[in-house]
Amino acid sequence: MPGIDAWVSLFGPAYFAYAGVTVPFMVTWAIACAALAMWNNRESRRQARLAPGIAASHSWPASIGMFVLVAACYIAAHSAVYVVVRHFVRLWL
């Protein structure tokens, strides 16, 4: 199932909010999850599944730009989950 690593990574900030872990650790988790997602979905791996022997065509600046965009999206999603769970933890406990 495509994107399963993104959905599974959302359990991290939920647990961190429940356990009272600080926000910088959650941001580090989001960046690590973004790096893992970019690694698992890299172009050379996708092309290797389709046709062996084809090299990746992205330049380093483009790849870094895509990583920054993906990391920003992960940080936003993880922050939202963290804030929501933290709010409910304060209500429950």
PDB file of N, CA and C in Angstrom:
ATOM      1  N   MET A   1       0.847  -1.176   0.000  1.00  0.00           N
ATOM      2  CA  MET A   1       0.000   0.000   0.000  1.00  0.00           C
ATOM      3  C   MET A   1       0.895   1.242   0.000  1.00  0.00           C
ATOM      4  N   PRO A   2       0.767   2.091  -1.015  1.00  0.00           N
ATOM      5  CA  PRO A   2       1.615   3.284  -1.074  1.00  0.00           C
ATOM      6  C   PRO A   2       1.304   4.256   0.071  1.00  0.00           C
ATOM      7  N   GLY A   3       2.341   4.812   0.624  1.00  0.00           N
ATOM      8  CA  GLY A   3       2.171   5.804   1.675  1.00  0.00           C
ATOM      9  C   GLY A   3       1.944   5.245   3.060  1.00  0.00           C
ATOM     10  N   ILE A   4       2.084   3.951   3.233  1.00  0.00           N
ATOM     11  CA  ILE A   4       1.830   3.364   4.547  1.00  0.00           C
ATOM     12  C   ILE A   4       2.832   3.887   5.573  1.00  0.00           C
ATOM     13  N   ASP A   5       4.062   4.175   5.135  1.00  0.00           N
ATOM     14  CA  ASP A   5       5.046   4.702   6.078  1.00  0.00           C
ATOM     15  C   ASP A   5       4.635   6.074   6.596  1.00  0.00           C
ATOM     16  N   ALA A   6       3.953   6.857   5.790  1.00  0.00           N
ATOM     17  CA  ALA A   6       3.476   8.174   6.243  1.00  0.00           C
ATOM     18  C   ALA A   6       2.395   8.024   7.304  1.00  0.00           C
ATOM     19  N   TRP A   7       1.474   7.105   7.107  1.00  0.00           N
ATOM     20  CA  TRP A   7       0.394   6.904   8.080  1.00  0.00           C
ATOM     21  C   TRP A   7       0.921   6.297   9.374  1.00  0.00           C
ATOM     22  N   VAL A   8       1.831   5.351   9.267  1.00  0.00           N
ATOM     23  CA  VAL A   8       2.385   4.722  10.463  1.00  0.00           C
ATOM     24  C   VAL A   8       3.219   5.721  11.264  1.00  0.00           C
ATOM     25  N   SER A   9       3.876   6.651  10.566  1.00  0.00           N
ATOM     26  CA  SER A   9       4.710   7.630  11.265  1.00  0.00           C
ATOM     27  C   SER A   9       3.893   8.553  12.155  1.00  0.00           C
ATOM     28  N   LEU A  10       2.589   8.659  11.937  1.00  0.00           N
ATOM     29  CA  LEU A  10       1.742   9.526  12.761  1.00  0.00           C
ATOM     30  C   LEU A  10       1.522   8.977  14.167  1.00  0.00           C
ATOM     31  N   PHE A  11       1.824   7.709  14.387  1.00  0.00           N
ATOM     32  CA  PHE A  11       1.731   7.155  15.738  1.00  0.00           C
ATOM     33  C   PHE A  11       2.807   7.738  16.646  1.00  0.00           C
ATOM     34  N   GLY A  12       3.944   8.137  16.054  1.00  0.00           N
ATOM     35  CA  GLY A  12       5.030   8.725  16.836  1.00  0.00           C
ATOM     36  C   GLY A  12       4.613   9.986  17.571  1.00  0.00           C
ATOM     37  N   PRO A  13       4.106  11.024  16.857  1.00  0.00           N
ATOM     38  CA  PRO A  13       3.718  12.237  17.572  1.00  0.00           C
ATOM     39  C   PRO A  13       2.558  12.017  18.533  1.00  0.00           C
ATOM     40  N   ALA A  14       1.683  11.077  18.227  1.00  0.00           N
ATOM     41  CA  ALA A  14       0.593  10.780  19.162  1.00  0.00           C
ATOM     42  C   ALA A  14       1.166  10.218  20.466  1.00  0.00           C
ATOM     43  N   TYR A  15       2.117   9.312  20.350  1.00  0.00           N
ATOM     44  CA  TYR A  15       2.746   8.764  21.542  1.00  0.00           C
ATOM     45  C   TYR A  15       3.563   9.828  22.278  1.00  0.00           C
ATOM     46  N   PHE A  16       4.297  10.651  21.507  1.00  0.00           N
ATOM     47  CA  PHE A  16       5.112  11.696  22.133  1.00  0.00           C
ATOM     48  C   PHE A  16       4.249  12.682  22.907  1.00  0.00           C
ATOM     49  N   ALA A  17       3.094  13.028  22.361  1.00  0.00           N
ATOM     50  CA  ALA A  17       2.193  13.946  23.069  1.00  0.00           C
ATOM     51  C   ALA A  17       1.657  13.287  24.330  1.00  0.00           C
ATOM     52  N   TYR A  18       1.309  12.012  24.250  1.00  0.00           N
ATOM     53  CA  TYR A  18       0.788  11.292  25.410  1.00  0.00           C
ATOM     54  C   TYR A  18       1.859  11.165  26.495  1.00  0.00           C
ATOM     55  N   ALA A  19       3.093  10.906  26.086  1.00  0.00           N
ATOM     56  CA  ALA A  19       4.181  10.703  27.046  1.00  0.00           C
ATOM     57  C   ALA A  19       4.772  12.022  27.546  1.00  0.00           C
ATOM     58  N   GLY A  20       4.409  13.138  26.917  1.00  0.00           N
ATOM     59  CA  GLY A  20       4.927  14.432  27.343  1.00  0.00           C
ATOM     60  C   GLY A  20       6.299  14.763  26.797  1.00  0.00           C
ATOM     61  N   VAL A  21       6.660  14.151  25.685  1.00  0.00           N
ATOM     62  CA  VAL A  21       7.950  14.416  25.052  1.00  0.00           C
ATOM     63  C   VAL A  21       7.908  15.806  24.424  1.00  0.00           C
ATOM     64  N   THR A  22       9.028  16.498  24.405  1.00  0.00           N
ATOM     65  CA  THR A  22       9.062  17.872  23.920  1.00  0.00           C
ATOM     66  C   THR A  22       8.921  17.959  22.399  1.00  0.00           C
ATOM     67  N   VAL A  23       8.560  19.146  21.940  1.00  0.00           N
ATOM     68  CA  VAL A  23       8.319  19.394  20.518  1.00  0.00           C
ATOM     69  C   VAL A  23       9.569  19.193  19.658  1.00  0.00           C
ATOM     70  N   PRO A  24      10.774  19.626  20.078  1.00  0.00           N
ATOM     71  CA  PRO A  24      11.934  19.389  19.205  1.00  0.00           C
ATOM     72  C   PRO A  24      12.176  17.918  18.886  1.00  0.00           C
ATOM     73  N   PHE A  25      11.876  17.034  19.824  1.00  0.00           N
ATOM     74  CA  PHE A  25      12.023  15.608  19.552  1.00  0.00           C
ATOM     75  C   PHE A  25      11.008  15.169  18.508  1.00  0.00           C
ATOM     76  N   MET A  26       9.793  15.714  18.578  1.00  0.00           N
ATOM     77  CA  MET A  26       8.763  15.387  17.596  1.00  0.00           C
ATOM     78  C   MET A  26       9.161  15.888  16.209  1.00  0.00           C
ATOM     79  N   VAL A  27       9.764  17.074  16.136  1.00  0.00           N
ATOM     80  CA  VAL A  27      10.221  17.612  14.849  1.00  0.00           C
ATOM     81  C   VAL A  27      11.341  16.736  14.284  1.00  0.00           C
ATOM     82  N   THR A  28      12.232  16.285  15.136  1.00  0.00           N
ATOM     83  CA  THR A  28      13.292  15.374  14.699  1.00  0.00           C
ATOM     84  C   THR A  28      12.695  14.085  14.155  1.00  0.00           C
ATOM     85  N   TRP A  29      11.670  13.570  14.811  1.00  0.00           N
ATOM     86  CA  TRP A  29      10.970  12.372  14.348  1.00  0.00           C
ATOM     87  C   TRP A  29      10.364  12.623  12.961  1.00  0.00           C
ATOM     88  N   ALA A  30       9.752  13.782  12.757  1.00  0.00           N
ATOM     89  CA  ALA A  30       9.129  14.112  11.473  1.00  0.00           C
ATOM     90  C   ALA A  30      10.169  14.181  10.361  1.00  0.00           C
ATOM     91  N   ILE A  31      11.317  14.781  10.642  1.00  0.00           N
ATOM     92  CA  ILE A  31      12.375  14.874   9.632  1.00  0.00           C
ATOM     93  C   ILE A  31      12.934  13.490   9.316  1.00  0.00           C
ATOM     94  N   ALA A  32      13.098  12.655  10.332  1.00  0.00           N
ATOM     95  CA  ALA A  32      13.569  11.289  10.096  1.00  0.00           C
ATOM     96  C   ALA A  32      12.566  10.499   9.273  1.00  0.00           C
ATOM     97  N   CYS A  33      11.281  10.670   9.538  1.00  0.00           N
ATOM     98  CA  CYS A  33      10.251   9.981   8.760  1.00  0.00           C
ATOM     99  C   CYS A  33      10.223  10.485   7.319  1.00  0.00           C
ATOM    100  N   ALA A  34      10.441  11.785   7.131  1.00  0.00           N
ATOM    101  CA  ALA A  34      10.496  12.341   5.776  1.00  0.00           C
ATOM    102  C   ALA A  34      11.687  11.774   5.018  1.00  0.00           C
ATOM    103  N   ALA A  35      12.819  11.650   5.686  1.00  0.00           N
ATOM    104  CA  ALA A  35      14.004  11.075   5.050  1.00  0.00           C
ATOM    105  C   ALA A  35      13.749   9.628   4.656  1.00  0.00           C
ATOM    106  N   LEU A  36      13.106   8.872   5.524  1.00  0.00           N
ATOM    107  CA  LEU A  36      12.789   7.480   5.215  1.00  0.00           C
ATOM    108  C   LEU A  36      11.807   7.386   4.048  1.00  0.00           C
ATOM    109  N   ALA A  37      10.819   8.255   4.013  1.00  0.00           N
ATOM    110  CA  ALA A  37       9.858   8.250   2.907  1.00  0.00           C
ATOM    111  C   ALA A  37      10.532   8.604   1.588  1.00  0.00           C
ATOM    112  N   MET A  38      11.416   9.598   1.615  1.00  0.00           N
ATOM    113  CA  MET A  38      12.127   9.967   0.394  1.00  0.00           C
ATOM    114  C   MET A  38      13.039   8.834  -0.066  1.00  0.00           C
ATOM    115  N   TRP A  39      13.662   8.150   0.868  1.00  0.00           N
ATOM    116  CA  TRP A  39      14.547   7.042   0.518  1.00  0.00           C
ATOM    117  C   TRP A  39      13.749   5.880  -0.070  1.00  0.00           C
ATOM    118  N   ASN A  40      12.626   5.556   0.527  1.00  0.00           N
ATOM    119  CA  ASN A  40      11.819   4.441   0.037  1.00  0.00           C
ATOM    120  C   ASN A  40      11.140   4.740  -1.288  1.00  0.00           C
ATOM    121  N   ASN A  41      10.931   6.013  -1.606  1.00  0.00           N
ATOM    122  CA  ASN A  41      10.239   6.388  -2.837  1.00  0.00           C
ATOM    123  C   ASN A  41      11.155   7.092  -3.831  1.00  0.00           C
ATOM    124  N   ARG A  42      12.453   6.857  -3.723  1.00  0.00           N
ATOM    125  CA  ARG A  42      13.391   7.526  -4.627  1.00  0.00           C
ATOM    126  C   ARG A  42      13.188   7.041  -6.058  1.00  0.00           C
ATOM    127  N   GLU A  43      13.553   7.906  -6.986  1.00  0.00           N
ATOM    128  CA  GLU A  43      13.294   7.632  -8.391  1.00  0.00           C
ATOM    129  C   GLU A  43      14.051   6.412  -8.890  1.00  0.00           C
ATOM    130  N   SER A  44      15.280   6.238  -8.445  1.00  0.00           N
ATOM    131  CA  SER A  44      16.059   5.098  -8.919  1.00  0.00           C
ATOM    132  C   SER A  44      15.420   3.782  -8.496  1.00  0.00           C
ATOM    133  N   ARG A  45      14.780   3.772  -7.333  1.00  0.00           N
ATOM    134  CA  ARG A  45      14.127   2.540  -6.873  1.00  0.00           C
ATOM    135  C   ARG A  45      12.857   2.271  -7.676  1.00  0.00           C
ATOM    136  N   ARG A  46      12.094   3.344  -7.961  1.00  0.00           N
ATOM    137  CA  ARG A  46      10.890   3.159  -8.770  1.00  0.00           C
ATOM    138  C   ARG A  46      11.228   2.698 -10.171  1.00  0.00           C
ATOM    139  N   GLN A  47      12.275   3.290 -10.768  1.00  0.00           N
ATOM    140  CA  GLN A  47      12.659   2.912 -12.120  1.00  0.00           C
ATOM    141  C   GLN A  47      13.269   1.523 -12.156  1.00  0.00           C
ATOM    142  N   ALA A  48      13.936   1.128 -11.086  1.00  0.00           N
ATOM    143  CA  ALA A  48      14.527  -0.205 -11.034  1.00  0.00           C
ATOM    144  C   ALA A  48      13.441  -1.267 -11.067  1.00  0.00           C
ATOM    145  N   ARG A  49      12.289  -0.946 -10.509  1.00  0.00           N
ATOM    146  CA  ARG A  49      11.183  -1.899 -10.557  1.00  0.00           C
ATOM    147  C   ARG A  49      10.608  -2.007 -11.971  1.00  0.00           C
ATOM    148  N   LEU A  50      10.645  -0.900 -12.716  1.00  0.00           N
ATOM    149  CA  LEU A  50      10.064  -0.886 -14.055  1.00  0.00           C
ATOM    150  C   LEU A  50      11.044  -1.361 -15.121  1.00  0.00           C
ATOM    151  N   ALA A  51      12.239  -0.806 -15.113  1.00  0.00           N
ATOM    152  CA  ALA A  51      13.214  -1.164 -16.146  1.00  0.00           C
ATOM    153  C   ALA A  51      14.613  -1.099 -15.550  1.00  0.00           C
ATOM    154  N   PRO A  52      15.274  -2.224 -15.385  1.00  0.00           N
ATOM    155  CA  PRO A  52      16.616  -2.218 -14.805  1.00  0.00           C
ATOM    156  C   PRO A  52      17.615  -1.493 -15.720  1.00  0.00           C
ATOM    157  N   GLY A  53      18.586  -0.814 -15.096  1.00  0.00           N
ATOM    158  CA  GLY A  53      19.641  -0.158 -15.846  1.00  0.00           C
ATOM    159  C   GLY A  53      19.402   1.296 -16.168  1.00  0.00           C
ATOM    160  N   ILE A  54      18.296   1.881 -15.730  1.00  0.00           N
ATOM    161  CA  ILE A  54      18.004   3.287 -15.994  1.00  0.00           C
ATOM    162  C   ILE A  54      18.454   4.102 -14.781  1.00  0.00           C
ATOM    163  N   ALA A  55      19.204   5.163 -15.039  1.00  0.00           N
ATOM    164  CA  ALA A  55      19.718   6.007 -13.953  1.00  0.00           C
ATOM    165  C   ALA A  55      18.702   7.073 -13.576  1.00  0.00           C
ATOM    166  N   ALA A  56      18.792   7.551 -12.327  1.00  0.00           N
ATOM    167  CA  ALA A  56      17.914   8.622 -11.857  1.00  0.00           C
ATOM    168  C   ALA A  56      18.252   9.923 -12.578  1.00  0.00           C
ATOM    169  N   SER A  57      17.255  10.770 -12.780  1.00  0.00           N
ATOM    170  CA  SER A  57      17.476  11.989 -13.555  1.00  0.00           C
ATOM    171  C   SER A  57      17.412  13.269 -12.725  1.00  0.00           C
ATOM    172  N   HIS A  58      17.151  13.192 -11.438  1.00  0.00           N
ATOM    173  CA  HIS A  58      17.048  14.390 -10.607  1.00  0.00           C
ATOM    174  C   HIS A  58      18.425  14.882 -10.206  1.00  0.00           C
ATOM    175  N   SER A  59      18.597  16.198 -10.179  1.00  0.00           N
ATOM    176  CA  SER A  59      19.842  16.787  -9.721  1.00  0.00           C
ATOM    177  C   SER A  59      19.800  16.902  -8.196  1.00  0.00           C
ATOM    178  N   TRP A  60      20.954  17.151  -7.591  1.00  0.00           N
ATOM    179  CA  TRP A  60      21.013  17.296  -6.139  1.00  0.00           C
ATOM    180  C   TRP A  60      20.174  18.464  -5.639  1.00  0.00           C
ATOM    181  N   PRO A  61      20.253  19.646  -6.258  1.00  0.00           N
ATOM    182  CA  PRO A  61      19.420  20.750  -5.764  1.00  0.00           C
ATOM    183  C   PRO A  61      17.925  20.444  -5.843  1.00  0.00           C
ATOM    184  N   ALA A  62      17.508  19.776  -6.906  1.00  0.00           N
ATOM    185  CA  ALA A  62      16.094  19.418  -7.017  1.00  0.00           C
ATOM    186  C   ALA A  62      15.711  18.394  -5.954  1.00  0.00           C
ATOM    187  N   SER A  63      16.584  17.446  -5.709  1.00  0.00           N
ATOM    188  CA  SER A  63      16.301  16.431  -4.685  1.00  0.00           C
ATOM    189  C   SER A  63      16.236  17.048  -3.297  1.00  0.00           C
ATOM    190  N   ILE A  64      17.134  17.961  -3.009  1.00  0.00           N
ATOM    191  CA  ILE A  64      17.120  18.618  -1.702  1.00  0.00           C
ATOM    192  C   ILE A  64      15.867  19.480  -1.566  1.00  0.00           C
ATOM    193  N   GLY A  65      15.487  20.160  -2.643  1.00  0.00           N
ATOM    194  CA  GLY A  65      14.258  20.958  -2.617  1.00  0.00           C
ATOM    195  C   GLY A  65      13.032  20.101  -2.355  1.00  0.00           C
ATOM    196  N   MET A  66      12.973  18.930  -2.997  1.00  0.00           N
ATOM    197  CA  MET A  66      11.849  18.016  -2.753  1.00  0.00           C
ATOM    198  C   MET A  66      11.857  17.514  -1.315  1.00  0.00           C
ATOM    199  N   PHE A  67      13.059  17.224  -0.788  1.00  0.00           N
ATOM    200  CA  PHE A  67      13.142  16.756   0.598  1.00  0.00           C
ATOM    201  C   PHE A  67      12.655  17.829   1.557  1.00  0.00           C
ATOM    202  N   VAL A  68      13.046  19.079   1.335  1.00  0.00           N
ATOM    203  CA  VAL A  68      12.606  20.167   2.205  1.00  0.00           C
ATOM    204  C   VAL A  68      11.091  20.292   2.168  1.00  0.00           C
ATOM    205  N   LEU A  69      10.501  20.178   0.982  1.00  0.00           N
ATOM    206  CA  LEU A  69       9.044  20.246   0.853  1.00  0.00           C
ATOM    207  C   LEU A  69       8.367  19.085   1.580  1.00  0.00           C
ATOM    208  N   VAL A  70       8.865  17.890   1.383  1.00  0.00           N
ATOM    209  CA  VAL A  70       8.292  16.711   2.057  1.00  0.00           C
ATOM    210  C   VAL A  70       8.473  16.821   3.563  1.00  0.00           C
ATOM    211  N   ALA A  71       9.642  17.258   4.010  1.00  0.00           N
ATOM    212  CA  ALA A  71       9.888  17.404   5.448  1.00  0.00           C
ATOM    213  C   ALA A  71       8.955  18.444   6.056  1.00  0.00           C
ATOM    214  N   ALA A  72       8.714  19.538   5.337  1.00  0.00           N
ATOM    215  CA  ALA A  72       7.792  20.565   5.843  1.00  0.00           C
ATOM    216  C   ALA A  72       6.379  20.007   5.976  1.00  0.00           C
ATOM    217  N   CYS A  73       5.965  19.203   5.017  1.00  0.00           N
ATOM    218  CA  CYS A  73       4.630  18.585   5.101  1.00  0.00           C
ATOM    219  C   CYS A  73       4.548  17.601   6.267  1.00  0.00           C
ATOM    220  N   TYR A  74       5.598  16.814   6.452  1.00  0.00           N
ATOM    221  CA  TYR A  74       5.625  15.885   7.594  1.00  0.00           C
ATOM    222  C   TYR A  74       5.586  16.646   8.910  1.00  0.00           C
ATOM    223  N   ILE A  75       6.361  17.723   9.014  1.00  0.00           N
ATOM    224  CA  ILE A  75       6.377  18.505  10.251  1.00  0.00           C
ATOM    225  C   ILE A  75       5.004  19.105  10.518  1.00  0.00           C
ATOM    226  N   ALA A  76       4.339  19.596   9.480  1.00  0.00           N
ATOM    227  CA  ALA A  76       2.996  20.164   9.657  1.00  0.00           C
ATOM    228  C   ALA A  76       2.000  19.096  10.111  1.00  0.00           C
ATOM    229  N   ALA A  77       2.008  17.945   9.460  1.00  0.00           N
ATOM    230  CA  ALA A  77       1.075  16.879   9.828  1.00  0.00           C
ATOM    231  C   ALA A  77       1.366  16.349  11.228  1.00  0.00           C
ATOM    232  N   HIS A  78       2.635  16.140  11.539  1.00  0.00           N
ATOM    233  CA  HIS A  78       2.990  15.629  12.862  1.00  0.00           C
ATOM    234  C   HIS A  78       2.687  16.652  13.949  1.00  0.00           C
ATOM    235  N   SER A  79       2.883  17.926  13.648  1.00  0.00           N
ATOM    236  CA  SER A  79       2.557  18.964  14.632  1.00  0.00           C
ATOM    237  C   SER A  79       1.063  18.999  14.912  1.00  0.00           C
ATOM    238  N   ALA A  80       0.263  18.838  13.867  1.00  0.00           N
ATOM    239  CA  ALA A  80      -1.193  18.828  14.047  1.00  0.00           C
ATOM    240  C   ALA A  80      -1.618  17.653  14.929  1.00  0.00           C
ATOM    241  N   VAL A  81      -1.082  16.479  14.652  1.00  0.00           N
ATOM    242  CA  VAL A  81      -1.413  15.308  15.469  1.00  0.00           C
ATOM    243  C   VAL A  81      -0.936  15.522  16.908  1.00  0.00           C
ATOM    244  N   TYR A  82       0.256  16.058  17.069  1.00  0.00           N
ATOM    245  CA  TYR A  82       0.815  16.307  18.404  1.00  0.00           C
ATOM    246  C   TYR A  82      -0.074  17.261  19.199  1.00  0.00           C
ATOM    247  N   VAL A  83      -0.492  18.360  18.572  1.00  0.00           N
ATOM    248  CA  VAL A  83      -1.315  19.354  19.265  1.00  0.00           C
ATOM    249  C   VAL A  83      -2.676  18.779  19.647  1.00  0.00           C
ATOM    250  N   VAL A  84      -3.291  18.029  18.742  1.00  0.00           N
ATOM    251  CA  VAL A  84      -4.605  17.449  19.026  1.00  0.00           C
ATOM    252  C   VAL A  84      -4.518  16.437  20.169  1.00  0.00           C
ATOM    253  N   VAL A  85      -3.548  15.545  20.092  1.00  0.00           N
ATOM    254  CA  VAL A  85      -3.413  14.535  21.148  1.00  0.00           C
ATOM    255  C   VAL A  85      -3.027  15.191  22.467  1.00  0.00           C
ATOM    256  N   ARG A  86      -2.159  16.183  22.419  1.00  0.00           N
ATOM    257  CA  ARG A  86      -1.772  16.881  23.646  1.00  0.00           C
ATOM    258  C   ARG A  86      -2.980  17.552  24.301  1.00  0.00           C
ATOM    259  N   HIS A  87      -3.865  18.114  23.480  1.00  0.00           N
ATOM    260  CA  HIS A  87      -5.081  18.738  23.995  1.00  0.00           C
ATOM    261  C   HIS A  87      -5.966  17.704  24.696  1.00  0.00           C
ATOM    262  N   PHE A  88      -6.164  16.552  24.066  1.00  0.00           N
ATOM    263  CA  PHE A  88      -7.007  15.525  24.672  1.00  0.00           C
ATOM    264  C   PHE A  88      -6.365  14.899  25.901  1.00  0.00           C
ATOM    265  N   VAL A  89      -5.050  14.807  25.920  1.00  0.00           N
ATOM    266  CA  VAL A  89      -4.367  14.271  27.102  1.00  0.00           C
ATOM    267  C   VAL A  89      -4.593  15.196  28.295  1.00  0.00           C
ATOM    268  N   ARG A  90      -4.537  16.503  28.073  1.00  0.00           N
ATOM    269  CA  ARG A  90      -4.793  17.447  29.157  1.00  0.00           C
ATOM    270  C   ARG A  90      -6.227  17.347  29.660  1.00  0.00           C
ATOM    271  N   LEU A  91      -7.165  17.046  28.771  1.00  0.00           N
ATOM    272  CA  LEU A  91      -8.558  16.891  29.192  1.00  0.00           C
ATOM    273  C   LEU A  91      -8.755  15.592  29.974  1.00  0.00           C
ATOM    274  N   TRP A  92      -8.099  14.526  29.555  1.00  0.00           N
ATOM    275  CA  TRP A  92      -8.303  13.225  30.181  1.00  0.00           C
ATOM    276  C   TRP A  92      -7.548  13.069  31.483  1.00  0.00           C
ATOM    277  N   LEU A  93      -6.365  13.651  31.577  1.00  0.00           N
ATOM    278  CA  LEU A  93      -5.535  13.415  32.758  1.00  0.00           C
ATOM    279  C   LEU A  93      -5.632  14.536  33.717  1.00  0.00           C
TER     280      LEU A  93
END
